[in-house]
Amino acid sequence: MHHKILLSGLVLVLLAGCWDSKEIENVGIVTGLALDVSEESSLSMVNQYVVPGKIPTQQESSNQEAPYQNIQINGESFFEIIRENSLESNRPPNYTHLKSILTSTRLFEKERVDQVIDLFIRDHEFRRTVPVFITGDSVEDIFSTEPTKELFPSIQIKELSENYFKNNKIPRNLSIGDMSQKISEETNFVIPGISLEDGFIKSSGAGVISAEESKYAGWIPSENIEGLRFIYNNVQGGYIDIVEEKIDQGPVVLEIKDSKTEYDTTLSGNTLTMKITIHISSVLGEDWGMERNVYKKGWKGKVEAAGNQVIKDKVEQVIQMAQKDFKIDFLDFSKRVKIQQPKYWKQHGKDWNNTFKDIDVSVEVKTKITDFGTQNFNSN
């Protein structure tokens, strides 16, 4: 379905004006960019071009040649690379249909993030809404991996993040415009991660960018993304998996219908404390507790309490990671303090990372089961 829409869009664009078939083939539509550093420490860019003649139709078998071509060029600046690309290919790159930008941890270890994205903010051809991703794997390998559901690896990378409202282990998209805003605000932030696993392109964790250095600071594993999203207050769905170790009489899965995270900062003398309260509305999605008496008063409270503990543990793990491992605030706590304790922020904002790592943070989760599916029995 996606390749039909893409093909239709390409036809509309390419047929505008006085175009003939030869000129259509000469339009270098780029769907993805992969940015890295080469072994010689120069900058590297992979342009993923659409090859219109190789886009399969319904009548053609799936064993067709790839409908894209990757062209990789090294240089001292990305502007130079783009111009060199025009010399190497008879199809100069057109970025108005760019779907994703994939960056490497190696690039942001060597080069400042604000310098890397400068071209993509300045040039009108790059839309500020294009999402950015990061990987510790080879960007060339990812861009050359056959996608499972899309025609182009660069489009599959973008589509992976579209399921963020169903699975809280997937970070929300971060666009070039978002990055520019984070940099201008001088705040730490995370970039959604991509990896190659068993030959498949997958969403995988996130990379942390330090505002002070404007460089890559480390990796957040996939299992910690859920806690991070509750802290960011952008959970719209997903589920709570209550394993057998957390509850008697068998595992339970709660489907999240709504979530809201509230912050309350308190100042006692010169000591700042923060309380995070997470309100979750859920539905009983799956119950493996065949011996659980759902008609007995109080059973629901035990499941809710177990759900509270599961989410509390996840959130506390991320806070521990930020305060003790990274020692930088990529949790956006600074925004809460600026709003709720402006005088304190005025005094300590310039040295916030040092202050942040010693703040006492408490977490309370309030999970409510509001529905039970088709088996809607009375409960208390």
Protein backbone atom coordinates (compact mmCIF):
# COMPACT_ATOMS: atom_id res chain seq x y z
CA MET A 1 0.00 0.00 0.00
CA HIS A 2 2.79 2.41 0.97
CA HIS A 3 4.68 1.85 -2.27
CA LYS A 4 1.51 2.59 -4.27
CA ILE A 5 1.10 5.90 -2.46
CA LEU A 6 4.78 6.73 -2.92
CA LEU A 7 4.65 5.86 -6.63
CA SER A 8 1.52 8.01 -7.10
CA GLY A 9 3.24 10.91 -5.36
CA LEU A 10 6.33 10.52 -7.50
CA VAL A 11 4.25 10.50 -10.67
CA LEU A 12 2.43 13.70 -9.65
CA VAL A 13 5.73 15.44 -8.87
CA LEU A 14 7.58 14.21 -11.91
CA LEU A 15 4.80 14.94 -14.40
CA ALA A 16 4.43 18.55 -13.31
CA GLY A 17 5.38 20.94 -16.12
CA CYS A 18 6.89 19.86 -19.41
CA TRP A 19 8.62 16.63 -18.46
CA ASP A 20 9.36 13.76 -20.80
CA SER A 21 10.34 10.17 -19.86
CA LYS A 22 14.06 10.90 -20.17
CA GLU A 23 13.84 13.82 -17.75
CA ILE A 24 11.83 11.72 -15.27
CA GLU A 25 14.69 9.26 -15.05
CA ASN A 26 17.07 12.14 -14.35
CA VAL A 27 15.23 13.37 -11.24
CA GLY A 28 17.22 12.19 -8.22
CA ILE A 29 14.57 11.82 -5.52
CA VAL A 30 16.23 10.97 -2.20
CA THR A 31 14.14 9.20 0.46
CA GLY A 32 16.84 8.85 3.10
CA LEU A 33 20.19 10.14 4.29
CA ALA A 34 22.73 8.24 6.39
CA LEU A 35 25.42 10.35 8.06
CA ASP A 36 28.65 8.94 9.48
CA VAL A 37 32.43 9.41 9.63
CA SER A 38 34.75 7.40 7.39
CA GLU A 39 37.77 5.39 8.47
CA GLU A 40 39.88 8.36 7.38
CA SER A 41 37.85 10.52 9.82
CA SER A 42 36.21 12.55 7.07
CA LEU A 43 32.44 13.00 6.93
CA SER A 44 30.40 10.37 5.10
CA MET A 45 26.93 10.61 3.56
CA VAL A 46 24.78 7.92 1.95
CA ASN A 47 21.97 9.15 -0.31
CA GLN A 48 19.19 6.63 -0.91
CA TYR A 49 17.79 7.38 -4.36
CA VAL A 50 14.49 6.18 -5.78
CA VAL A 51 14.85 4.17 -9.00
CA PRO A 52 11.36 4.67 -10.53
CA GLY A 53 11.76 1.97 -13.19
CA LYS A 54 12.34 -0.69 -10.52
CA ILE A 55 9.30 0.01 -8.36
CA PRO A 56 7.25 -3.21 -8.67
CA THR A 57 3.63 -3.28 -9.74
CA GLN A 58 0.94 -5.70 -8.59
CA GLN A 59 1.53 -7.88 -11.66
CA GLU A 60 5.25 -8.25 -10.99
CA SER A 61 6.72 -10.83 -8.67
CA SER A 62 8.38 -9.81 -5.42
CA ASN A 63 11.79 -11.02 -6.66
CA GLN A 64 12.64 -7.74 -8.33
CA GLU A 65 15.76 -5.63 -8.11
CA ALA A 66 15.80 -3.13 -5.26
CA PRO A 67 13.89 0.06 -6.24
CA TYR A 68 16.58 2.21 -4.67
CA GLN A 69 20.24 3.02 -5.16
CA ASN A 70 22.62 4.01 -2.36
CA ILE A 71 25.42 6.44 -3.25
CA GLN A 72 28.02 6.98 -0.53
CA ILE A 73 30.50 9.89 -0.69
CA ASN A 74 33.07 11.24 1.78
CA GLY A 75 34.08 14.86 2.25
CA GLU A 76 35.03 17.63 4.65
CA SER A 77 31.51 19.09 4.80
CA PHE A 78 28.04 17.84 3.94
CA PHE A 79 27.58 20.77 1.57
CA GLU A 80 30.65 19.63 -0.34
CA ILE A 81 29.40 16.02 -0.38
CA ILE A 82 26.04 17.04 -1.87
CA ARG A 83 27.81 18.99 -4.62
CA GLU A 84 30.16 16.06 -5.28
CA ASN A 85 27.12 13.79 -5.47
CA SER A 86 25.84 15.94 -8.33
CA LEU A 87 29.09 15.28 -10.20
CA GLU A 88 29.04 11.52 -9.60
CA SER A 89 25.43 10.92 -10.61
CA ASN A 90 23.44 12.16 -13.60
CA ARG A 91 20.57 12.52 -11.15
CA PRO A 92 21.38 15.45 -8.81
CA PRO A 93 19.87 14.87 -5.35
CA ASN A 94 16.41 16.27 -4.60
CA TYR A 95 15.58 16.26 -0.86
CA THR A 96 12.02 17.56 -0.86
CA HIS A 97 10.69 14.01 -0.35
CA LEU A 98 13.19 13.00 2.36
CA LYS A 99 11.64 10.54 4.84
CA SER A 100 14.39 9.96 7.41
CA ILE A 101 17.92 10.87 8.44
CA LEU A 102 20.01 8.13 10.06
CA THR A 103 23.06 9.20 12.06
CA SER A 104 25.76 7.18 13.79
CA THR A 105 27.04 7.28 17.35
CA ARG A 106 30.56 7.52 15.87
CA LEU A 107 29.65 10.74 14.09
CA PHE A 108 28.33 12.42 17.22
CA GLU A 109 31.27 11.20 19.28
CA LYS A 110 33.61 13.01 16.88
CA GLU A 111 31.57 15.99 15.69
CA ARG A 112 29.28 18.41 17.51
CA VAL A 113 25.58 17.79 16.88
CA ASP A 114 24.83 21.49 16.41
CA GLN A 115 27.46 21.68 13.66
CA VAL A 116 26.30 18.50 11.94
CA ILE A 117 22.68 19.61 11.56
CA ASP A 118 23.49 23.20 10.59
CA LEU A 119 23.11 22.54 6.84
CA PHE A 120 19.80 20.71 7.29
CA ILE A 121 18.36 23.63 9.24
CA ARG A 122 19.58 26.33 6.82
CA ASP A 123 18.79 24.72 3.46
CA HIS A 124 15.15 25.29 2.41
CA GLU A 125 15.09 21.94 0.58
CA PHE A 126 15.26 20.03 3.88
CA ARG A 127 11.96 20.04 5.74
CA ARG A 128 12.19 20.61 9.50
CA THR A 129 9.68 17.79 10.08
CA VAL A 130 12.03 15.05 8.80
CA PRO A 131 12.67 12.58 11.69
CA VAL A 132 16.22 11.81 12.84
CA PHE A 133 17.49 8.46 14.15
CA ILE A 134 20.77 7.16 15.54
CA THR A 135 22.53 3.79 15.46
CA GLY A 136 25.63 2.10 16.80
CA ASP A 137 25.62 -0.23 13.80
CA SER A 138 26.85 0.47 10.29
CA VAL A 139 24.60 3.03 8.59
CA GLU A 140 25.59 1.59 5.21
CA ASP A 141 24.49 -1.91 6.29
CA ILE A 142 21.14 -0.63 7.55
CA PHE A 143 20.48 1.31 4.33
CA SER A 144 21.34 -1.83 2.34
CA THR A 145 19.10 -4.21 4.33
CA GLU A 146 15.99 -5.43 2.57
CA PRO A 147 13.00 -3.97 4.45
CA THR A 148 10.23 -6.28 5.62
CA LYS A 149 7.16 -4.13 4.96
CA GLU A 150 8.34 -1.19 2.88
CA LEU A 151 10.15 -0.80 -0.45
CA PHE A 152 12.87 1.45 0.97
CA PRO A 153 14.94 0.98 4.15
CA SER A 154 14.79 4.73 4.79
CA ILE A 155 10.98 4.64 4.80
CA GLN A 156 10.85 1.55 7.02
CA ILE A 157 13.05 3.37 9.55
CA LYS A 158 10.51 6.20 9.69
CA GLU A 159 7.53 3.83 9.86
CA LEU A 160 8.97 1.90 12.82
CA SER A 161 8.45 4.91 15.07
CA GLU A 162 4.81 5.29 13.99
CA ASN A 163 3.81 2.54 16.46
CA TYR A 164 4.87 4.56 19.50
CA PHE A 165 1.26 4.74 20.76
CA LYS A 166 1.01 0.92 20.88
CA ASN A 167 4.40 0.04 22.31
CA ASN A 168 6.08 2.22 24.92
CA LYS A 169 9.50 0.73 24.20
CA ILE A 170 9.54 2.86 21.03
CA PRO A 171 10.58 6.51 21.53
CA ARG A 172 8.56 9.33 20.02
CA ASN A 173 9.89 10.80 16.78
CA LEU A 174 12.50 13.55 16.96
CA SER A 175 12.56 15.86 13.95
CA ILE A 176 15.31 18.13 12.70
CA GLY A 177 13.20 21.03 13.95
CA ASP A 178 12.94 19.42 17.41
CA MET A 179 16.72 19.01 17.51
CA SER A 180 17.22 22.64 16.57
CA GLN A 181 14.92 23.74 19.38
CA LYS A 182 16.66 21.50 21.95
CA ILE A 183 20.03 22.88 20.90
CA SER A 184 18.85 26.49 21.09
CA GLU A 185 17.41 25.80 24.58
CA GLU A 186 20.73 24.19 25.60
CA THR A 187 18.99 21.09 26.95
CA ASN A 188 20.09 17.46 26.82
CA PHE A 189 17.92 15.20 24.67
CA VAL A 190 17.57 11.71 23.21
CA ILE A 191 17.50 10.52 19.59
CA PRO A 192 15.43 7.37 18.77
CA GLY A 193 17.68 4.39 18.10
CA ILE A 194 17.78 1.91 15.21
CA SER A 195 19.66 -1.40 15.06
CA LEU A 196 20.17 -4.45 12.86
CA GLU A 197 19.00 -7.61 14.62
CA ASP A 198 19.17 -10.97 12.82
CA GLY A 199 19.14 -9.17 9.49
CA PHE A 200 16.10 -7.00 10.30
CA ILE A 201 15.85 -3.25 10.87
CA LYS A 202 14.37 -2.62 14.31
CA SER A 203 13.63 0.23 16.69
CA SER A 204 16.12 -0.13 19.51
CA GLY A 205 16.61 2.22 22.45
CA ALA A 206 17.89 5.77 22.12
CA GLY A 207 21.09 7.80 22.10
CA VAL A 208 21.65 10.59 24.64
CA ILE A 209 23.03 13.94 23.46
CA SER A 210 24.76 16.16 26.01
CA ALA A 211 23.92 19.85 25.72
CA GLU A 212 27.20 20.98 27.27
CA GLU A 213 29.39 19.13 24.77
CA SER A 214 26.76 18.85 22.01
CA LYS A 215 27.95 15.26 21.54
CA TYR A 216 26.85 11.67 22.04
CA ALA A 217 26.91 10.77 25.75
CA GLY A 218 25.70 7.15 25.78
CA TRP A 219 22.92 4.69 25.00
CA ILE A 220 19.56 3.97 26.66
CA PRO A 221 18.57 0.30 26.14
CA SER A 222 15.10 -0.59 24.83
CA GLU A 223 13.97 -1.90 28.21
CA ASN A 224 14.42 1.57 29.72
CA ILE A 225 12.51 3.53 27.08
CA GLU A 226 9.14 2.79 28.70
CA GLY A 227 10.16 4.44 31.97
CA LEU A 228 11.52 7.40 30.02
CA ARG A 229 8.25 7.90 28.17
CA PHE A 230 6.26 7.99 31.40
CA ILE A 231 8.65 10.68 32.63
CA TYR A 232 8.17 12.61 29.37
CA ASN A 233 4.39 12.32 29.82
CA ASN A 234 3.86 11.10 26.25
CA VAL A 235 2.36 7.65 26.90
CA GLN A 236 -0.83 7.26 24.86
CA GLY A 237 -1.26 3.51 24.93
CA GLY A 238 0.76 0.34 25.25
CA TYR A 239 0.48 -2.17 28.05
CA ILE A 240 1.66 -3.13 31.53
CA ASP A 241 3.07 -6.65 31.63
CA ILE A 242 2.70 -7.94 35.19
CA VAL A 243 4.82 -11.08 35.34
CA GLU A 244 4.22 -13.96 37.73
CA GLU A 245 6.96 -12.78 40.10
CA LYS A 246 5.00 -9.56 40.69
CA ILE A 247 1.58 -11.07 41.40
CA ASP A 248 0.03 -14.26 42.80
CA GLN A 249 -2.09 -16.67 40.75
CA GLY A 250 -0.62 -15.95 37.32
CA PRO A 251 0.53 -13.11 35.04
CA VAL A 252 -1.72 -10.27 33.92
CA VAL A 253 -1.51 -7.80 31.01
CA LEU A 254 -3.17 -4.40 31.40
CA GLU A 255 -3.83 -2.35 28.28
CA ILE A 256 -3.14 1.35 28.88
CA LYS A 257 -5.94 3.63 27.73
CA ASP A 258 -4.70 6.90 29.19
CA SER A 259 -1.76 8.20 31.19
CA LYS A 260 -0.85 11.50 32.79
CA THR A 261 2.35 12.40 34.63
CA GLU A 262 2.35 15.25 37.16
CA TYR A 263 5.34 16.96 38.79
CA ASP A 264 5.53 18.73 42.12
CA THR A 265 8.77 20.39 43.20
CA THR A 266 9.26 21.48 46.81
CA LEU A 267 11.92 23.78 48.20
CA SER A 268 12.95 23.47 51.86
CA GLY A 269 15.67 25.98 52.59
CA ASN A 270 18.04 25.39 49.70
CA THR A 271 17.10 21.71 49.27
CA LEU A 272 14.96 20.82 46.24
CA THR A 273 12.82 17.68 46.14
CA MET A 274 10.61 16.44 43.34
CA LYS A 275 7.57 14.16 43.40
CA ILE A 276 6.38 12.44 40.22
CA THR A 277 2.81 11.13 40.20
CA ILE A 278 1.67 8.96 37.29
CA HIS A 279 -2.05 8.34 36.74
CA ILE A 280 -2.87 5.37 34.50
CA SER A 281 -6.27 4.27 33.22
CA SER A 282 -6.21 0.67 31.98
CA VAL A 283 -8.25 -2.27 30.74
CA LEU A 284 -7.76 -5.89 31.72
CA GLY A 285 -6.25 -7.13 28.46
CA GLU A 286 -5.17 -10.67 29.33
CA ASP A 287 -5.39 -12.73 32.51
CA TRP A 288 -3.45 -15.97 32.96
CA GLY A 289 -4.62 -16.36 36.56
CA MET A 290 -7.09 -19.17 36.10
CA GLU A 291 -7.29 -19.64 39.87
CA ARG A 292 -7.88 -15.96 40.53
CA ASN A 293 -11.36 -15.36 41.92
CA VAL A 294 -12.46 -12.25 40.06
CA TYR A 295 -15.79 -12.28 41.91
CA LYS A 296 -14.09 -11.96 45.27
CA LYS A 297 -13.93 -8.45 46.68
CA GLY A 298 -10.47 -6.85 46.53
CA TRP A 299 -8.90 -8.82 43.65
CA LYS A 300 -8.77 -5.77 41.41
CA GLY A 301 -6.83 -3.75 43.97
CA LYS A 302 -4.08 -6.39 44.07
CA VAL A 303 -3.68 -6.28 40.28
CA GLU A 304 -3.61 -2.48 40.29
CA ALA A 305 -1.00 -2.45 43.07
CA ALA A 306 1.17 -4.87 41.09
CA GLY A 307 0.81 -2.65 38.00
CA ASN A 308 1.84 0.36 40.10
CA GLN A 309 5.02 -1.40 41.20
CA VAL A 310 5.96 -2.48 37.66
CA ILE A 311 5.79 1.09 36.32
CA LYS A 312 7.38 2.58 39.45
CA ASP A 313 10.38 0.28 39.03
CA LYS A 314 10.78 1.23 35.35
CA VAL A 315 10.64 4.96 36.06
CA GLU A 316 13.06 4.74 39.00
CA GLN A 317 15.55 2.79 36.88
CA VAL A 318 15.69 5.61 34.33
CA ILE A 319 16.07 8.26 37.02
CA GLN A 320 18.91 6.24 38.55
CA MET A 321 20.53 5.96 35.12
CA ALA A 322 20.32 9.71 34.50
CA GLN A 323 21.50 10.78 37.96
CA LYS A 324 24.20 8.18 38.67
CA ASP A 325 25.36 6.82 35.29
CA PHE A 326 25.04 9.70 32.83
CA LYS A 327 24.98 12.46 35.47
CA ILE A 328 23.09 14.72 33.08
CA ASP A 329 19.42 15.64 32.93
CA PHE A 330 17.98 14.14 29.76
CA LEU A 331 14.65 13.74 31.63
CA ASP A 332 13.49 17.35 31.15
CA PHE A 333 13.41 17.91 34.92
CA SER A 334 14.95 21.33 34.29
CA LYS A 335 11.74 22.49 32.59
CA ARG A 336 9.69 21.58 35.68
CA VAL A 337 12.05 23.44 37.99
CA LYS A 338 12.12 26.53 35.77
CA ILE A 339 8.33 26.74 35.92
CA GLN A 340 7.69 25.72 39.53
CA GLN A 341 10.79 27.12 41.27
CA PRO A 342 12.01 30.08 39.16
CA LYS A 343 14.08 31.65 41.97
CA TYR A 344 15.87 28.38 42.64
CA TRP A 345 16.52 27.93 38.92
CA LYS A 346 17.97 31.43 38.66
CA GLN A 347 20.49 30.49 41.35
CA HIS A 348 21.35 26.94 40.24
CA GLY A 349 20.43 26.73 36.54
CA LYS A 350 23.96 27.35 35.26
CA ASP A 351 25.24 24.34 37.23
CA TRP A 352 22.12 22.24 36.76
CA ASN A 353 23.74 18.88 35.90
CA ASN A 354 25.71 18.90 39.16
CA THR A 355 22.61 19.91 41.11
CA PHE A 356 20.35 17.47 39.26
CA LYS A 357 22.31 14.35 40.19
CA ASP A 358 21.69 14.94 43.92
CA ILE A 359 17.98 15.82 43.83
CA ASP A 360 15.72 13.54 45.87
CA VAL A 361 13.04 12.27 43.47
CA SER A 362 10.06 10.16 44.61
CA VAL A 363 7.68 8.30 42.30
CA GLU A 364 4.06 7.34 42.90
CA VAL A 365 1.96 5.41 40.38
CA LYS A 366 -1.84 5.20 40.51
CA THR A 367 -3.18 2.55 38.15
CA LYS A 368 -6.92 2.07 37.75
CA ILE A 369 -8.63 -0.79 35.90
CA THR A 370 -11.71 0.75 34.32
CA ASP A 371 -12.92 -2.04 32.02
CA PHE A 372 -12.64 -5.81 31.67
CA GLY A 373 -13.33 -6.46 28.00
CA THR A 374 -16.28 -8.60 26.96
CA GLN A 375 -16.10 -10.50 30.25
CA ASN A 376 -17.32 -7.44 32.14
CA PHE A 377 -18.01 -8.85 35.58
CA ASN A 378 -18.65 -6.95 38.80
CA SER A 379 -15.48 -6.22 40.72
CA ASN A 380 -14.19 -4.27 43.68
